């Protein structure tokens, strides 16, 4: 008899039974896709949720919907453009002025498949938005994270890190041909290494970080990919309809929420999480599962931290 694979859990499934009353959460990119479903689950559990979004007006409409659907009035929005260090610092400083601890920081926002470009500060766009913006935000918020006593930073990575590692000598593609998917993969490797370095440096202060792989879900993240690419990577079928094997955004958010609330992760940091579990190193399977060891290498993580600190101008 054929076995039936149960459907993947949703973020609301994962958060059921958890009470986050009195906890403060920040979710970047929380107005759409996986970030929205992450914010929804945390709000449903009673957390005070601040959504960081580039466009304030549509995000405020989303927040109003979340307040109504979850019954939680403490869902707010603030503007942040992760491609601008000035915007990141203003967003963080506004949060710090509230003198409230940040118990959960979900570094969710990201870009994918962009043509060659630079952020406001001159960084390659994928690395600048997906990694350096979140690096600057997290470091700026360290006083609020430490004030929580036991803070969790959830860094949304991707199995795409299997496509290519991080070139610490040429992170902005100044000396090699630009490839948008390699640039995205590089930024996702940086996400994982960042979680390792953050945990190593700040575990004693009660700050732990883990990287999550949400799995394949068709969201606004892929809006820059052309149709042929979406077919080739299995996002849509040749007739243009979504591949039925894809996860919904709510299912894609499940591991992010698990990383934020699972009691079994107490004391765990610098790990790569997948399917609501701590992942193992890649065993050669296709499609790839688990992580490449270089994405969790402490020495490379420390080198990335030092490079990132130099680029964004912080310790």
Protein backbone atom coordinates (compact mmCIF):
# COMPACT_ATOMS: atom_id res chain seq x y z
CA UNK A 1 0.00 0.00 0.00
CA UNK A 2 1.35 3.42 -0.95
CA UNK A 3 2.14 5.75 1.91
CA UNK A 4 0.50 9.16 2.01
CA UNK A 5 2.72 12.10 2.89
CA UNK A 6 0.93 14.39 5.33
CA UNK A 7 0.64 18.04 4.32
CA UNK A 8 3.30 20.38 5.66
CA UNK A 9 2.20 22.25 8.80
CA UNK A 10 1.32 25.93 8.63
CA UNK A 11 2.66 28.71 10.82
CA UNK A 12 -0.62 28.74 12.75
CA UNK A 13 -0.32 24.99 13.33
CA UNK A 14 3.13 25.50 14.82
CA UNK A 15 2.17 28.39 17.10
CA UNK A 16 -0.96 26.70 18.46
CA UNK A 17 -0.75 26.35 22.21
CA UNK A 18 1.97 28.98 22.63
CA UNK A 19 1.36 32.16 24.60
CA UNK A 20 3.58 35.05 23.54
CA UNK A 21 1.80 37.69 25.63
CA UNK A 22 4.35 40.23 26.80
CA UNK A 23 6.82 39.34 24.05
CA UNK A 24 7.93 41.88 21.44
CA UNK A 25 8.62 40.70 17.90
CA UNK A 26 10.03 42.49 14.85
CA UNK A 27 9.44 40.97 11.41
CA UNK A 28 11.08 42.52 8.36
CA UNK A 29 9.12 42.04 5.16
CA UNK A 30 6.11 41.17 7.31
CA UNK A 31 3.52 42.69 4.98
CA UNK A 32 3.49 39.93 2.38
CA UNK A 33 4.31 36.30 1.68
CA UNK A 34 6.10 34.23 4.28
CA UNK A 35 6.77 37.31 6.43
CA UNK A 36 3.06 38.09 6.60
CA UNK A 37 2.23 34.55 7.70
CA UNK A 38 5.00 34.71 10.29
CA UNK A 39 3.62 37.98 11.66
CA UNK A 40 0.10 36.53 11.66
CA UNK A 41 1.12 33.52 13.75
CA UNK A 42 3.11 35.56 16.26
CA UNK A 43 0.23 38.02 16.62
CA UNK A 44 -2.26 35.19 17.05
CA UNK A 45 -0.15 33.93 19.97
CA UNK A 46 -0.34 37.36 21.62
CA UNK A 47 3.01 38.95 20.75
CA UNK A 48 3.36 42.63 20.10
CA UNK A 49 4.46 42.63 16.45
CA UNK A 50 6.24 45.40 14.58
CA UNK A 51 6.25 44.88 10.83
CA UNK A 52 9.15 46.45 8.97
CA UNK A 53 8.13 47.33 5.41
CA UNK A 54 9.36 49.50 2.56
CA UNK A 55 5.93 50.87 1.63
CA UNK A 56 4.01 52.21 4.60
CA UNK A 57 0.47 52.61 3.23
CA UNK A 58 -0.12 49.05 1.94
CA UNK A 59 1.63 47.62 5.00
CA UNK A 60 -0.68 49.58 7.29
CA UNK A 61 -3.66 48.02 5.51
CA UNK A 62 -2.12 44.58 6.08
CA UNK A 63 -1.57 45.36 9.75
CA UNK A 64 -5.19 46.45 10.12
CA UNK A 65 -6.25 43.12 8.65
CA UNK A 66 -4.02 41.24 11.08
CA UNK A 67 -5.38 43.15 14.06
CA UNK A 68 -8.91 42.25 12.99
CA UNK A 69 -8.25 38.58 12.16
CA UNK A 70 -6.09 37.79 15.20
CA UNK A 71 -7.86 39.94 17.76
CA UNK A 72 -4.47 41.40 18.71
CA UNK A 73 -4.40 45.22 18.67
CA UNK A 74 -0.63 45.34 19.07
CA UNK A 75 0.34 44.93 15.40
CA UNK A 76 2.06 48.02 14.02
CA UNK A 77 4.12 49.04 11.01
CA UNK A 78 7.28 51.07 10.58
CA UNK A 79 9.17 51.95 7.42
CA UNK A 80 12.50 50.31 6.68
CA UNK A 81 14.42 49.99 3.44
CA UNK A 82 17.08 47.34 3.95
CA UNK A 83 18.94 48.70 0.95
CA UNK A 84 19.64 51.93 2.84
CA UNK A 85 21.76 51.95 5.98
CA UNK A 86 20.25 55.32 6.91
CA UNK A 87 16.76 53.83 6.78
CA UNK A 88 17.86 50.78 8.78
CA UNK A 89 19.39 52.95 11.49
CA UNK A 90 16.31 55.16 11.72
CA UNK A 91 14.06 52.10 12.02
CA UNK A 92 16.25 50.58 14.73
CA UNK A 93 16.59 53.83 16.63
CA UNK A 94 12.81 54.32 16.66
CA UNK A 95 12.50 50.88 18.26
CA UNK A 96 15.26 51.61 20.77
CA UNK A 97 13.57 54.85 21.83
CA UNK A 98 10.62 52.79 23.03
CA UNK A 99 12.94 51.27 25.67
CA UNK A 100 11.31 47.86 25.24
CA UNK A 101 13.16 44.57 24.87
CA UNK A 102 13.05 42.75 21.53
CA UNK A 103 12.43 39.09 22.25
CA UNK A 104 12.11 37.96 18.63
CA UNK A 105 13.73 39.42 15.52
CA UNK A 106 12.77 37.72 12.27
CA UNK A 107 15.11 38.77 9.45
CA UNK A 108 12.71 37.76 6.69
CA UNK A 109 12.72 40.40 3.96
CA UNK A 110 14.70 39.72 0.81
CA UNK A 111 15.16 40.10 -2.93
CA UNK A 112 15.91 37.53 -5.61
CA UNK A 113 16.91 37.36 -9.27
CA UNK A 114 17.70 41.03 -9.79
CA UNK A 115 19.79 42.44 -12.65
CA UNK A 116 23.15 43.99 -11.75
CA UNK A 117 22.62 46.80 -9.28
CA UNK A 118 23.76 48.50 -6.12
CA UNK A 119 22.03 49.58 -2.94
CA UNK A 120 22.04 53.20 -1.74
CA UNK A 121 25.35 52.49 -0.04
CA UNK A 122 27.02 50.83 -3.03
CA UNK A 123 26.62 47.16 -2.09
CA UNK A 124 25.60 44.46 -4.56
CA UNK A 125 21.83 44.45 -4.15
CA UNK A 126 21.25 40.86 -3.00
CA UNK A 127 24.06 40.95 -0.46
CA UNK A 128 23.15 44.48 0.59
CA UNK A 129 19.46 43.80 1.22
CA UNK A 130 19.43 40.16 2.25
CA UNK A 131 22.50 40.22 4.49
CA UNK A 132 24.08 43.60 5.15
CA UNK A 133 20.80 45.40 5.87
CA UNK A 134 19.82 42.73 8.38
CA UNK A 135 23.34 42.68 9.83
CA UNK A 136 23.21 46.44 10.45
CA UNK A 137 19.70 46.19 11.90
CA UNK A 138 20.56 43.36 14.28
CA UNK A 139 23.75 44.97 15.54
CA UNK A 140 21.91 48.24 16.11
CA UNK A 141 19.20 46.42 18.06
CA UNK A 142 21.61 44.46 20.27
CA UNK A 143 20.81 46.53 23.40
CA UNK A 144 17.10 45.67 23.03
CA UNK A 145 17.88 42.02 22.24
CA UNK A 146 20.12 41.68 25.29
CA UNK A 147 17.45 43.37 27.41
CA UNK A 148 15.08 40.51 26.58
CA UNK A 149 17.24 38.12 28.58
CA UNK A 150 16.69 35.31 26.09
CA UNK A 151 16.27 36.68 22.57
CA UNK A 152 15.94 34.70 19.36
CA UNK A 153 17.02 35.99 15.97
CA UNK A 154 15.49 34.04 13.09
CA UNK A 155 17.37 34.53 9.81
CA UNK A 156 15.43 33.37 6.77
CA UNK A 157 17.87 31.61 4.49
CA UNK A 158 17.30 29.25 1.58
CA UNK A 159 18.33 25.94 0.12
CA UNK A 160 19.58 28.14 -2.73
CA UNK A 161 22.83 28.46 -0.78
CA UNK A 162 23.67 25.12 -2.42
CA UNK A 163 24.00 26.94 -5.76
CA UNK A 164 27.14 28.78 -4.77
CA UNK A 165 29.13 29.90 -1.77
CA UNK A 166 30.23 33.30 -0.55
CA UNK A 167 33.22 34.98 -2.19
CA UNK A 168 34.64 37.04 0.65
CA UNK A 169 37.26 38.53 -1.66
CA UNK A 170 34.76 39.73 -4.27
CA UNK A 171 31.36 40.01 -2.56
CA UNK A 172 30.08 42.69 -4.94
CA UNK A 173 31.01 41.00 -8.25
CA UNK A 174 33.58 43.61 -9.13
CA UNK A 175 36.09 41.10 -10.53
CA UNK A 176 33.90 38.27 -11.86
CA UNK A 177 30.91 38.01 -14.17
CA UNK A 178 27.62 38.85 -12.48
CA UNK A 179 25.00 36.13 -12.16
CA UNK A 180 21.73 36.95 -10.37
CA UNK A 181 21.22 33.45 -9.02
CA UNK A 182 24.78 33.16 -7.80
CA UNK A 183 24.34 36.58 -6.17
CA UNK A 184 21.19 35.35 -4.43
CA UNK A 185 22.87 32.10 -3.38
CA UNK A 186 25.80 34.05 -2.00
CA UNK A 187 23.50 36.21 0.11
CA UNK A 188 21.78 33.10 1.49
CA UNK A 189 25.14 31.61 2.45
CA UNK A 190 25.86 34.91 4.19
CA UNK A 191 22.58 34.60 6.11
CA UNK A 192 23.63 31.25 7.54
CA UNK A 193 27.13 32.41 8.41
CA UNK A 194 25.72 35.51 10.08
CA UNK A 195 23.61 33.38 12.43
CA UNK A 196 26.70 31.40 13.38
CA UNK A 197 28.79 34.51 14.08
CA UNK A 198 26.01 36.33 15.94
CA UNK A 199 25.52 33.36 18.25
CA UNK A 200 29.24 32.97 18.82
CA UNK A 201 29.68 36.60 19.76
CA UNK A 202 26.51 37.21 21.76
CA UNK A 203 25.40 33.91 23.29
CA UNK A 204 26.69 35.13 26.67
CA UNK A 205 24.32 38.10 26.40
CA UNK A 206 21.34 35.85 25.80
CA UNK A 207 21.12 36.36 22.03
CA UNK A 208 20.87 33.26 19.84
CA UNK A 209 20.36 33.10 16.08
CA UNK A 210 19.39 30.29 13.73
CA UNK A 211 18.88 30.13 9.98
CA UNK A 212 15.72 28.65 8.51
CA UNK A 213 14.95 27.25 5.08
CA UNK A 214 11.26 27.83 4.33
CA UNK A 215 11.10 25.38 1.45
CA UNK A 216 9.81 26.14 -2.03
CA UNK A 217 6.84 28.51 -2.02
CA UNK A 218 5.65 30.83 -4.77
CA UNK A 219 5.55 34.34 -3.31
CA UNK A 220 6.37 37.89 -4.32
CA UNK A 221 10.05 37.08 -3.81
CA UNK A 222 10.17 35.56 -7.30
CA UNK A 223 8.50 38.49 -9.06
CA UNK A 224 11.70 39.37 -10.92
CA UNK A 225 12.12 35.90 -12.44
CA UNK A 226 10.99 35.41 -16.03
CA UNK A 227 8.54 32.66 -16.95
CA UNK A 228 11.20 30.35 -18.39
CA UNK A 229 13.21 30.50 -15.19
CA UNK A 230 10.15 29.83 -13.05
CA UNK A 231 9.40 26.74 -15.14
CA UNK A 232 13.02 25.58 -15.02
CA UNK A 233 13.27 25.78 -11.23
CA UNK A 234 9.87 24.17 -10.67
CA UNK A 235 7.85 27.16 -9.48
CA UNK A 236 5.27 26.94 -12.25
CA UNK A 237 4.26 24.41 -14.87
CA UNK A 238 4.62 25.09 -18.62
CA UNK A 239 0.97 26.19 -18.74
CA UNK A 240 1.73 28.94 -16.22
CA UNK A 241 -0.06 27.41 -13.24
CA UNK A 242 1.78 26.98 -9.92
CA UNK A 243 3.48 23.64 -9.37
CA UNK A 244 1.15 21.76 -7.01
CA UNK A 245 4.11 20.50 -5.01
CA UNK A 246 4.90 24.01 -3.80
CA UNK A 247 4.15 25.08 -0.27
CA UNK A 248 1.80 27.89 0.54
CA UNK A 249 3.22 30.98 2.21
CA UNK A 250 1.62 29.78 5.46
CA UNK A 251 3.44 26.45 5.16
CA UNK A 252 6.67 28.23 4.22
CA UNK A 253 6.44 30.30 7.40
CA UNK A 254 6.13 27.24 9.64
CA UNK A 255 9.87 26.78 10.25
CA UNK A 256 10.37 30.49 10.94
CA UNK A 257 7.70 30.35 13.62
CA UNK A 258 9.08 27.07 14.99
CA UNK A 259 12.48 28.74 15.29
CA UNK A 260 10.84 31.57 17.24
CA UNK A 261 8.79 29.53 19.71
CA UNK A 262 9.94 25.90 19.96
CA UNK A 263 10.97 25.12 23.54
CA UNK A 264 13.28 22.37 22.30
CA UNK A 265 15.45 25.05 20.68
CA UNK A 266 16.27 26.70 24.01
CA UNK A 267 20.05 27.17 24.01
CA UNK A 268 20.37 26.31 20.31
CA UNK A 269 22.13 28.81 18.07
CA UNK A 270 24.07 28.83 14.84
CA UNK A 271 21.98 25.96 13.45
CA UNK A 272 20.28 25.49 10.09
CA UNK A 273 16.60 24.59 10.46
CA UNK A 274 14.43 22.88 7.87
CA UNK A 275 10.94 21.34 8.03
CA UNK A 276 10.59 22.34 11.70
CA UNK A 277 13.71 20.41 12.66
CA UNK A 278 17.45 20.93 13.00
CA UNK A 279 18.84 20.01 9.59
CA UNK A 280 21.74 17.69 8.83
CA UNK A 281 24.60 18.32 6.39
CA UNK A 282 23.71 17.67 2.74
CA UNK A 283 24.14 14.02 1.81
CA UNK A 284 24.16 14.49 -1.96
CA UNK A 285 20.40 14.16 -2.41
CA UNK A 286 18.51 15.80 -5.27
CA UNK A 287 16.89 18.22 -4.77
CA UNK A 288 19.35 19.27 -2.09
CA UNK A 289 18.30 19.04 1.53
CA UNK A 290 20.21 20.05 4.60
CA UNK A 291 23.10 22.48 4.48
CA UNK A 292 26.54 22.74 2.98
CA UNK A 293 29.10 22.61 5.80
CA UNK A 294 30.77 25.80 4.58
CA UNK A 295 27.54 27.68 5.33
CA UNK A 296 28.00 27.00 9.05
CA UNK A 297 31.79 27.23 9.22
CA UNK A 298 32.77 29.34 12.28
CA UNK A 299 35.98 30.66 10.74
CA UNK A 300 34.22 31.88 7.59
CA UNK A 301 31.42 33.26 9.76
CA UNK A 302 33.90 35.36 11.70
CA UNK A 303 35.52 36.60 8.49
CA UNK A 304 32.10 37.61 7.18
CA UNK A 305 31.29 39.43 10.43
CA UNK A 306 34.51 41.45 10.20
CA UNK A 307 33.86 42.28 6.54
CA UNK A 308 30.25 43.22 7.23
CA UNK A 309 31.19 45.42 10.17
CA UNK A 310 33.73 47.25 8.01
CA UNK A 311 31.21 47.72 5.20
CA UNK A 312 28.36 49.06 7.33
CA UNK A 313 30.57 50.99 9.73
CA UNK A 314 29.92 49.28 13.04
CA UNK A 315 31.60 46.92 15.48
